[in-house]
Amino acid sequence: MKRKIFGFIAVAALLLSTVSCGVLGIGGNSDGSVNGQTSGAALKSLYSQYKTDGKVDLANLNNVVSMAQLVNGIQGLKNVDDKSKFYGDFAAGLILGSNNLVTQQTSNPVTSTLQGLVQGTDLTAIAAAGLAAAAQSKQGQQVQQTATTASNNVANTVQAISETTAGVTNTLSSLATIFNMFGGK
């Protein structure tokens, strides 16, 4: 009899824990949270390089890939039915994905800046250039390309990205606004 009661209590506790985590938003498996985490990780990567070089270097394949990840992550901010839930989950994901580079205080302004970027700019070419850069980077790791071939790949990627001057300019401007929010972190 004690085993049945204990088993019932254990199952009830597990069920209560699962339900409460879902209600509280703990676990973050929603689209907004996943997109926010992807975007936060991309922002962290871009900001780290920005602090080192003083600019976002588009000749760096890792930066091009990170920009594409950011662009893909923020696409969900464009057409969302339940904006309050998605934005809340997205902001929480930004904090988690950036390893607290984005804070509770800056999550809403960062989200608003990213939302303005995705609403007002065609970013498809950046996403395509990022895919090309990722493929080139992977190919380089697998085949051990020569320095000349790698240099040509970077030049091709930069050329593809420079074809979208408005998209790149708007993205870099948005990144500068966001990086200013980070202060001296």
Protein backbone atom coordinates (compact mmCIF):
# COMPACT_ATOMS: atom_id res chain seq x y z
CA MET A 1 0.00 0.00 0.00
CA LYS A 2 2.83 2.40 0.86
CA ARG A 3 4.43 1.72 -2.53
CA LYS A 4 1.21 2.64 -4.35
CA ILE A 5 0.87 5.89 -2.39
CA PHE A 6 4.54 6.73 -2.91
CA GLY A 7 4.22 5.93 -6.64
CA PHE A 8 1.12 8.10 -6.92
CA ILE A 9 2.88 10.99 -5.14
CA ALA A 10 5.94 10.64 -7.41
CA VAL A 11 3.80 10.66 -10.57
CA ALA A 12 1.77 13.63 -9.29
CA ALA A 13 4.96 15.55 -8.46
CA LEU A 14 6.42 14.83 -11.89
CA LEU A 15 3.21 15.92 -13.60
CA LEU A 16 3.00 19.08 -11.48
CA SER A 17 6.62 19.91 -12.23
CA THR A 18 6.14 19.44 -15.97
CA VAL A 19 2.99 21.55 -16.07
CA SER A 20 4.43 24.35 -13.93
CA CYS A 21 7.58 24.53 -16.07
CA GLY A 22 5.42 24.91 -19.15
CA VAL A 23 3.27 27.59 -17.51
CA LEU A 24 6.30 29.51 -16.25
CA GLY A 25 8.09 29.26 -19.58
CA ILE A 26 10.99 27.32 -18.11
CA GLY A 27 12.63 25.08 -20.63
CA GLY A 28 12.32 27.54 -23.51
CA ASN A 29 11.48 25.23 -26.39
CA SER A 30 9.16 27.69 -28.12
CA ASP A 31 10.01 29.15 -31.52
CA GLY A 32 10.61 32.55 -29.93
CA SER A 33 13.06 31.14 -27.41
CA VAL A 34 14.95 29.08 -30.00
CA ASN A 35 15.14 32.06 -32.37
CA GLY A 36 16.25 34.30 -29.50
CA GLN A 37 18.97 31.85 -28.46
CA THR A 38 20.28 31.62 -32.02
CA SER A 39 20.25 35.41 -32.32
CA GLY A 40 21.87 35.87 -28.91
CA ALA A 41 24.70 33.48 -29.75
CA ALA A 42 25.25 35.27 -33.08
CA LEU A 43 25.29 38.67 -31.35
CA LYS A 44 27.79 37.39 -28.80
CA SER A 45 30.07 36.09 -31.55
CA LEU A 46 29.84 39.31 -33.56
CA TYR A 47 30.38 41.48 -30.48
CA SER A 48 33.42 39.46 -29.42
CA GLN A 49 35.03 40.02 -32.81
CA TYR A 50 33.92 43.68 -32.79
CA LYS A 51 35.66 44.26 -29.47
CA THR A 52 38.84 42.71 -30.85
CA ASP A 53 38.92 44.47 -34.23
CA GLY A 54 36.90 47.62 -33.56
CA LYS A 55 34.56 46.78 -36.45
CA VAL A 56 32.52 43.92 -37.86
CA ASP A 57 34.95 42.58 -40.46
CA LEU A 58 32.96 41.19 -43.40
CA ALA A 59 36.06 39.55 -44.83
CA ASN A 60 35.94 37.18 -41.85
CA LEU A 61 33.88 34.11 -42.82
CA ASN A 62 32.86 33.53 -39.18
CA ASN A 63 31.31 37.01 -39.07
CA VAL A 64 29.42 36.41 -42.29
CA VAL A 65 28.10 33.12 -40.89
CA SER A 66 27.16 34.84 -37.60
CA MET A 67 25.34 37.61 -39.47
CA ALA A 68 23.40 34.98 -41.40
CA GLN A 69 22.52 33.17 -38.17
CA LEU A 70 21.31 36.46 -36.72
CA VAL A 71 19.27 37.22 -39.83
CA ASN A 72 17.69 33.76 -39.77
CA GLY A 73 17.00 34.03 -36.03
CA ILE A 74 15.19 37.35 -36.28
CA GLN A 75 12.92 36.33 -39.16
CA GLY A 76 10.31 35.26 -36.61
CA LEU A 77 9.99 38.88 -35.45
CA LYS A 78 8.50 39.76 -38.83
CA ASN A 79 5.05 38.16 -38.89
CA VAL A 80 3.95 36.82 -35.53
CA ASP A 81 0.31 36.36 -34.50
CA ASP A 82 0.87 36.43 -30.72
CA LYS A 83 3.58 39.05 -30.48
CA SER A 84 3.64 39.39 -26.69
CA LYS A 85 4.38 35.69 -26.11
CA PHE A 86 6.83 35.40 -29.00
CA TYR A 87 8.67 38.61 -28.05
CA GLY A 88 8.87 37.58 -24.40
CA ASP A 89 10.25 34.17 -25.36
CA PHE A 90 12.59 35.76 -27.90
CA ALA A 91 13.96 38.23 -25.32
CA ALA A 92 14.51 35.41 -22.80
CA GLY A 93 16.27 33.41 -25.52
CA LEU A 94 18.50 36.40 -26.34
CA ILE A 95 19.69 36.51 -22.74
CA LEU A 96 20.35 32.78 -22.65
CA GLY A 97 21.96 32.57 -26.11
CA SER A 98 24.24 35.54 -25.49
CA ASN A 99 25.36 34.11 -22.16
CA ASN A 100 23.96 37.20 -20.39
CA LEU A 101 25.62 39.71 -22.73
CA VAL A 102 22.05 40.80 -23.41
CA THR A 103 20.54 41.52 -20.00
CA GLN A 104 16.99 41.76 -18.72
CA GLN A 105 17.30 45.56 -19.02
CA THR A 106 18.60 45.53 -22.60
CA SER A 107 16.56 42.61 -23.95
CA ASN A 108 13.57 44.75 -24.97
CA PRO A 109 15.60 47.50 -26.71
CA VAL A 110 17.72 44.86 -28.47
CA THR A 111 14.58 43.00 -29.57
CA SER A 112 13.03 46.26 -30.82
CA THR A 113 16.17 47.13 -32.79
CA LEU A 114 16.26 43.68 -34.36
CA GLN A 115 12.53 43.83 -35.09
CA GLY A 116 12.98 47.20 -36.83
CA LEU A 117 15.82 45.74 -38.89
CA VAL A 118 13.87 42.70 -40.06
CA GLN A 119 10.72 44.74 -40.77
CA GLY A 120 12.47 47.37 -42.88
CA THR A 121 15.22 45.54 -44.75
CA ASP A 122 15.49 42.70 -47.23
CA LEU A 123 18.06 40.45 -45.58
CA THR A 124 17.82 37.42 -47.87
CA ALA A 125 21.16 38.09 -49.57
CA ILE A 126 22.94 38.18 -46.21
CA ALA A 127 21.38 34.84 -45.31
CA ALA A 128 22.45 33.41 -48.69
CA ALA A 129 25.99 34.77 -48.30
CA GLY A 130 26.13 33.22 -44.84
CA LEU A 131 25.15 29.84 -46.23
CA ALA A 132 27.85 30.17 -48.88
CA ALA A 133 30.40 31.18 -46.24
CA ALA A 134 29.43 28.24 -44.02
CA ALA A 135 29.77 25.86 -46.97
CA GLN A 136 33.14 27.36 -47.87
CA SER A 137 34.32 27.15 -44.28
CA LYS A 138 33.22 23.51 -44.02
CA GLN A 139 34.83 22.67 -47.34
CA GLY A 140 38.04 24.34 -46.17
CA GLN A 141 38.08 22.22 -43.02
CA GLN A 142 37.45 18.99 -44.90
CA VAL A 143 39.76 19.49 -47.87
CA GLN A 144 42.56 21.67 -46.39
CA GLN A 145 42.32 24.32 -49.08
CA THR A 146 45.32 26.39 -50.06
CA ALA A 147 45.60 30.00 -48.88
CA THR A 148 44.85 31.29 -52.38
CA THR A 149 41.62 29.30 -52.70
CA ALA A 150 40.51 30.37 -49.24
CA SER A 151 41.29 33.99 -50.11
CA ASN A 152 39.21 33.70 -53.29
CA ASN A 153 36.32 32.21 -51.33
CA VAL A 154 36.40 35.13 -48.90
CA ALA A 155 36.49 37.59 -51.80
CA ASN A 156 33.49 35.86 -53.42
CA THR A 157 31.54 35.96 -50.15
CA VAL A 158 32.35 39.62 -49.57
CA GLN A 159 31.30 40.39 -53.15
CA ALA A 160 28.00 38.54 -52.62
CA ILE A 161 27.37 40.44 -49.40
CA SER A 162 28.35 43.82 -50.88
CA GLU A 163 25.63 43.39 -53.51
CA THR A 164 23.12 44.07 -50.74
CA THR A 165 24.50 47.39 -49.62
CA ALA A 166 21.25 48.52 -48.00
CA GLY A 167 20.87 45.24 -46.12
CA VAL A 168 24.47 45.26 -44.93
CA THR A 169 24.39 48.94 -44.02
CA ASN A 170 21.16 48.57 -42.06
CA THR A 171 22.44 45.44 -40.33
CA LEU A 172 25.73 47.07 -39.37
CA SER A 173 23.89 50.16 -38.14
CA SER A 174 21.58 47.99 -36.02
CA LEU A 175 24.58 46.08 -34.66
CA ALA A 176 26.29 49.36 -33.71
CA THR A 177 23.14 50.43 -31.83
CA ILE A 178 23.00 47.09 -30.02
CA PHE A 179 26.72 47.03 -29.23
CA ASN A 180 26.40 50.47 -27.63
CA MET A 181 23.79 48.96 -25.29
CA PHE A 182 26.35 46.38 -24.17
CA GLY A 183 28.62 49.07 -22.79
CA GLY A 184 32.11 47.87 -22.02
CA LYS A 185 31.30 44.20 -21.47
